[in-house]
Structure formats: structure tokens, C-alpha cells
Amino acid sequence: MKITLVTSSFLPQVGGAEMVVHNLALQWVRQGYQVCVIDGIADKPVHPGANYSIMKFLIPRGSTRFGYHRFPFSQLTEYSLTKCLDVYK
């Protein structure tokens, strides 16, 4: 089974949410699942033990201040995420 985790920030930025997503991905890979983390920060693994794939979606400039889930940023974010999911299929 394929699992996709989507987050706006990820490693090398370190915080609670980033570590939860990283540890979830590691555990699911150990259980035999194919895991992909789609984030807005990095497009390749930076943690030495990361044995899951990573993709980067586009976070438009200015959207972090006003919310990338709001108009007009939402359409571009949705397109970028859909493109990443289509590649991972």
C-alpha cells in the first residue's frame, strides 16, 4: 500500500510536527508500506535514516503570511499537490 503524508514544513527544519511525520514515515516503511512525504521545504531526504521518498510542492510567495489554503493561493497549491500525487501514483 502507498501512503502519502502532506505537510507544509519538514526536515531540515526541526520541530514537533516535522519529527512526527518523519517517525510515522519510518515506522510505516518498516511495516512494508511505500511512503512519500510531500512538503514545501525540501525535495530530497536530509535525515541519514530516511528510507522514504520526498517531494516538494510549491508554496507561492506571500502565501505563508496570508495562508496558502486561501484564494488566490489555493488554486496554485491544489495544482502543485495534484501534480505531486499524480507522479507518486
Protein backbone atom coordinates (compact mmCIF):
# COMPACT_ATOMS: atom_id res chain seq x y z
CA MET A 1 0.00 0.00 0.00
CA LYS A 2 1.17 3.53 -0.73
CA ILE A 3 0.89 6.23 1.93
CA THR A 4 1.34 9.94 1.35
CA LEU A 5 1.98 12.42 4.15
CA VAL A 6 1.45 16.09 3.30
CA THR A 7 2.96 18.83 5.44
CA SER A 8 3.90 22.44 4.86
CA SER A 9 7.24 22.16 6.66
CA PHE A 10 9.64 19.26 7.05
CA LEU A 11 13.24 18.41 7.79
CA PRO A 12 15.83 20.08 7.88
CA GLN A 13 13.53 22.47 9.78
CA VAL A 14 13.17 20.76 13.16
CA GLY A 15 10.02 20.91 15.23
CA GLY A 16 7.37 18.68 16.71
CA ALA A 17 5.27 18.23 13.55
CA GLU A 18 8.33 17.56 11.42
CA MET A 19 9.57 14.83 13.76
CA VAL A 20 6.11 13.22 13.98
CA VAL A 21 5.86 13.00 10.18
CA HIS A 22 9.43 11.67 9.94
CA ASN A 23 8.84 8.99 12.59
CA LEU A 24 5.48 7.98 11.09
CA ALA A 25 7.13 7.56 7.69
CA LEU A 26 9.98 5.50 9.17
CA GLN A 27 7.60 3.17 11.03
CA TRP A 28 5.32 2.63 8.04
CA VAL A 29 8.31 1.83 5.80
CA ARG A 30 9.46 -0.73 8.40
CA GLN A 31 5.99 -2.29 8.22
CA GLY A 32 6.34 -2.70 4.45
CA TYR A 33 4.44 0.31 3.09
CA GLN A 34 5.66 2.69 0.39
CA VAL A 35 5.71 6.16 1.95
CA CYS A 36 6.10 9.55 0.32
CA VAL A 37 6.29 12.83 2.23
CA ILE A 38 5.11 15.84 0.24
CA ASP A 39 6.29 19.09 1.82
CA GLY A 40 7.02 22.69 0.99
CA ILE A 41 10.64 22.75 2.19
CA ALA A 42 12.85 20.00 0.73
CA ASP A 43 12.74 17.67 -2.24
CA LYS A 44 15.30 15.10 -1.08
CA PRO A 45 15.93 13.33 2.24
CA VAL A 46 18.21 15.14 4.66
CA HIS A 47 17.99 12.67 7.54
CA PRO A 48 20.51 9.82 7.22
CA GLY A 49 17.95 7.15 8.14
CA ALA A 50 15.21 8.37 5.79
CA ASN A 51 14.25 5.43 3.58
CA TYR A 52 11.10 7.02 2.19
CA SER A 53 10.64 9.30 -0.79
CA ILE A 54 10.19 13.07 -0.55
CA MET A 55 8.56 15.50 -2.97
CA LYS A 56 8.23 19.25 -2.76
CA PHE A 57 5.06 21.16 -3.58
CA LEU A 58 5.07 24.82 -4.46
CA ILE A 59 4.23 27.30 -1.72
CA PRO A 60 3.67 30.62 -3.52
CA ARG A 61 5.46 33.72 -2.32
CA GLY A 62 3.33 35.61 0.19
CA SER A 63 1.08 32.66 0.90
CA THR A 64 2.75 31.87 4.21
CA ARG A 65 1.58 35.22 5.53
CA PHE A 66 -2.00 35.05 4.27
CA GLY A 67 -2.49 31.27 4.09
CA TYR A 68 -1.69 29.04 1.13
CA HIS A 69 -5.15 27.48 1.54
CA ARG A 70 -6.90 30.80 0.75
CA PHE A 71 -7.70 32.46 -2.56
CA PRO A 72 -5.74 33.13 -4.81
CA PHE A 73 -3.04 30.81 -3.45
CA SER A 74 -5.34 27.81 -3.02
CA GLN A 75 -5.63 27.10 -6.75
CA LEU A 76 -1.87 27.06 -7.28
CA THR A 77 -1.33 24.94 -4.16
CA GLU A 78 -4.01 22.47 -5.24
CA TYR A 79 -2.46 22.20 -8.71
CA SER A 80 1.01 21.62 -7.26
CA LEU A 81 -0.21 18.95 -4.81
CA THR A 82 -2.23 17.20 -7.52
CA LYS A 83 0.85 17.14 -9.74
CA CYS A 84 2.92 15.55 -6.95
CA LEU A 85 0.23 12.94 -6.26
CA ASP A 86 -0.02 12.05 -9.95
CA VAL A 87 3.74 11.48 -10.09
CA TYR A 88 3.60 9.26 -6.98
CA LYS A 89 0.74 7.05 -8.23
